[in-house]
Amino acid sequence: MRVALELAEEAYKAGEIPVGAVIVSDDTIIARARNEKELRNDATAHAELTALQQAAQSLGRWRLSDATLYCTLEPCAMCAGAMVNARLGRLVYGAGDSKAGAAGSILDVVRFPGLNHQIQVYAGVLEADCARLLSEFFADLRRDGRVGRRRSTRNVVRNVEDM
């Protein structure tokens, strides 16, 4: 989870919602990703989806039943659905998401008995650290309409006036 937190910090610095994800299989990290929605202009560029894609490439198969995904934020319905479809074995996340969480907070896609696969879930791992980073990000966004205050100002355009 600490590696996922480092990736979330990278996302924060890049002006992305600070979410990081790591997938482990056989005690080895096989995928690591952070949110890149703004960078790619892609609503599906969530850390979890990118990590699932990397893990499948790394293992040479799409079934990830022996893998664990560590994520700093409870997955949304899109990511939870992808985890079910990938037959992920375990999900470990830090902060719950009371607005979009689909691993127990609002929905429970990953353990829904009507689906063909259910995932073991462990919630609240390093929850305070994960929640703090998210809170700082959204406070920054509310305060001045921009994010990534921690990032380097070198070669960074924050808004049109900086061009």
Protein backbone atom coordinates (compact mmCIF):
# COMPACT_ATOMS: atom_id res chain seq x y z
CA MET A 1 0.00 0.00 0.00
CA ARG A 2 2.92 2.33 0.59
CA VAL A 3 3.93 2.03 -3.07
CA ALA A 4 0.35 2.85 -4.07
CA LEU A 5 0.51 5.92 -1.81
CA GLU A 6 3.73 7.04 -3.53
CA LEU A 7 1.95 6.73 -6.88
CA ALA A 8 -1.00 8.73 -5.52
CA GLU A 9 1.43 11.46 -4.46
CA GLU A 10 2.82 11.49 -8.02
CA ALA A 11 -0.72 11.88 -9.34
CA TYR A 12 -1.33 14.79 -6.94
CA LYS A 13 1.82 16.54 -8.13
CA ALA A 14 0.67 16.09 -11.73
CA GLY A 15 -2.73 17.63 -11.00
CA GLU A 16 -4.62 14.33 -11.04
CA ILE A 17 -6.94 13.03 -8.35
CA PRO A 18 -4.41 11.28 -6.09
CA VAL A 19 -5.11 7.60 -6.56
CA GLY A 20 -2.43 4.96 -6.92
CA ALA A 21 -2.75 1.25 -7.57
CA VAL A 22 -0.36 -1.68 -7.36
CA ILE A 23 -0.96 -5.31 -8.26
CA VAL A 24 1.01 -8.08 -6.57
CA SER A 25 1.28 -11.72 -7.59
CA ASP A 26 3.61 -14.26 -5.96
CA ASP A 27 4.92 -11.51 -3.64
CA THR A 28 6.09 -9.48 -6.63
CA ILE A 29 4.74 -6.18 -7.90
CA ILE A 30 3.61 -6.87 -11.45
CA ALA A 31 1.82 -3.57 -12.12
CA ARG A 32 1.81 -0.03 -10.81
CA ALA A 33 -0.24 2.92 -11.97
CA ARG A 34 -1.71 6.26 -10.98
CA ASN A 35 -4.68 8.25 -12.20
CA GLU A 36 -4.02 9.86 -15.59
CA LYS A 37 -7.45 11.15 -16.62
CA GLU A 38 -6.25 14.72 -17.13
CA LEU A 39 -3.02 13.72 -18.84
CA ARG A 40 -4.76 11.43 -21.33
CA ASN A 41 -8.09 13.29 -21.53
CA ASP A 42 -9.63 9.89 -20.88
CA ALA A 43 -12.36 9.27 -18.31
CA THR A 44 -11.30 5.62 -18.13
CA ALA A 45 -7.66 6.33 -17.23
CA HIS A 46 -8.13 5.30 -13.61
CA ALA A 47 -5.17 3.86 -11.74
CA GLU A 48 -6.95 0.54 -11.19
CA LEU A 49 -7.79 -0.01 -14.87
CA THR A 50 -4.27 0.81 -15.99
CA ALA A 51 -2.85 -1.54 -13.35
CA LEU A 52 -5.20 -4.35 -14.43
CA GLN A 53 -4.03 -3.91 -18.04
CA GLN A 54 -0.36 -3.95 -17.00
CA ALA A 55 -0.87 -7.03 -14.84
CA ALA A 56 -2.51 -8.95 -17.68
CA GLN A 57 0.38 -8.03 -19.97
CA SER A 58 2.95 -8.97 -17.33
CA LEU A 59 1.38 -12.38 -16.66
CA GLY A 60 0.34 -13.05 -20.25
CA ARG A 61 -3.26 -13.78 -19.20
CA TRP A 62 -6.35 -11.82 -18.27
CA ARG A 63 -7.43 -13.97 -15.31
CA LEU A 64 -5.87 -12.50 -12.17
CA SER A 65 -7.32 -14.84 -9.54
CA ASP A 66 -3.96 -15.18 -7.79
CA ALA A 67 -3.33 -11.41 -7.67
CA THR A 68 -4.02 -8.69 -5.12
CA LEU A 69 -4.75 -5.10 -6.12
CA TYR A 70 -3.77 -2.43 -3.59
CA CYS A 71 -5.46 0.91 -4.15
CA THR A 72 -5.50 4.12 -2.13
CA LEU A 73 -9.21 4.76 -2.78
CA GLU A 74 -12.20 2.45 -2.89
CA PRO A 75 -12.85 1.64 -6.56
CA CYS A 76 -15.72 3.13 -8.55
CA ALA A 77 -18.29 0.94 -10.32
CA MET A 78 -16.28 0.96 -13.57
CA CYS A 79 -13.10 -0.24 -11.88
CA ALA A 80 -14.94 -2.71 -9.65
CA GLY A 81 -16.61 -4.22 -12.71
CA ALA A 82 -13.25 -4.56 -14.44
CA MET A 83 -11.86 -6.31 -11.35
CA VAL A 84 -14.72 -8.80 -11.39
CA ASN A 85 -14.22 -9.41 -15.11
CA ALA A 86 -10.48 -9.93 -14.55
CA ARG A 87 -11.33 -12.48 -11.82
CA LEU A 88 -9.12 -10.55 -9.37
CA GLY A 89 -8.43 -12.54 -6.21
CA ARG A 90 -8.18 -9.78 -3.61
CA LEU A 91 -8.72 -6.05 -3.31
CA VAL A 92 -7.05 -4.02 -0.57
CA TYR A 93 -7.93 -0.34 -0.38
CA GLY A 94 -7.23 2.59 1.90
CA ALA A 95 -9.92 5.28 1.97
CA GLY A 96 -13.58 4.55 1.43
CA ASP A 97 -15.52 6.60 -1.11
CA SER A 98 -18.94 7.70 0.16
CA LYS A 99 -19.84 9.22 -3.22
CA ALA A 100 -18.72 6.63 -5.77
CA GLY A 101 -17.43 3.59 -3.88
CA ALA A 102 -18.38 0.22 -5.36
CA ALA A 103 -16.65 -2.12 -2.93
CA GLY A 104 -19.05 -1.67 -0.04
CA SER A 105 -19.69 2.05 0.50
CA ILE A 106 -22.50 2.78 -1.98
CA LEU A 107 -22.48 -0.35 -4.10
CA ASP A 108 -20.79 -3.68 -3.61
CA VAL A 109 -20.03 -4.75 -7.16
CA VAL A 110 -16.98 -6.79 -6.17
CA ARG A 111 -18.98 -9.05 -3.83
CA PHE A 112 -22.35 -9.02 -5.57
CA PRO A 113 -23.69 -12.60 -5.34
CA GLY A 114 -25.45 -12.41 -8.72
CA LEU A 115 -22.17 -12.00 -10.62
CA ASN A 116 -19.96 -14.86 -11.77
CA HIS A 117 -17.06 -13.87 -9.48
CA GLN A 118 -16.65 -12.27 -6.06
CA ILE A 119 -13.48 -10.65 -4.72
CA GLN A 120 -12.09 -10.77 -1.19
CA VAL A 121 -11.98 -7.20 0.14
CA TYR A 122 -9.82 -5.67 2.87
CA ALA A 123 -10.71 -2.04 3.55
CA GLY A 124 -9.05 0.70 5.58
CA VAL A 125 -5.37 -0.15 5.09
CA LEU A 126 -3.40 3.07 5.74
CA GLU A 127 -6.79 4.77 5.57
CA ALA A 128 -5.72 7.97 7.37
CA ASP A 129 -2.80 8.57 5.00
CA CYS A 130 -4.91 7.86 1.91
CA ALA A 131 -7.79 10.06 3.11
CA ARG A 132 -5.43 12.91 4.07
CA LEU A 133 -3.92 13.05 0.59
CA LEU A 134 -7.36 13.12 -1.03
CA SER A 135 -8.59 15.80 1.40
CA GLU A 136 -5.57 17.99 0.67
CA PHE A 137 -6.14 17.62 -3.06
CA PHE A 138 -9.79 18.64 -2.93
CA ALA A 139 -9.09 21.49 -0.47
CA ASP A 140 -6.50 22.78 -2.94
CA LEU A 141 -9.01 22.50 -5.78
CA ARG A 142 -11.73 24.34 -3.83
CA ARG A 143 -9.32 27.03 -2.65
CA ASP A 144 -7.96 28.22 -5.95
CA GLY A 145 -9.42 26.08 -8.70
CA ARG A 146 -6.23 24.27 -9.48
CA VAL A 147 -4.41 21.29 -8.16
CA GLY A 148 -0.87 20.03 -7.97
CA ARG A 149 0.47 22.78 -5.72
CA ARG A 150 3.19 20.38 -4.64
CA ARG A 151 4.48 19.86 -8.16
CA SER A 152 7.47 21.66 -9.55
CA THR A 153 6.73 24.94 -11.30
CA ARG A 154 9.46 24.30 -13.84
CA ASN A 155 7.96 23.73 -17.31
CA VAL A 156 4.43 23.47 -15.92
CA VAL A 157 1.54 25.45 -17.37
CA ARG A 158 -1.20 25.70 -14.76
CA ASN A 159 -3.66 27.83 -16.66
CA VAL A 160 -4.01 30.02 -19.74
CA GLU A 161 -2.52 33.09 -18.01
CA ASP A 162 0.74 31.16 -17.41
CA MET A 163 1.26 30.56 -21.15
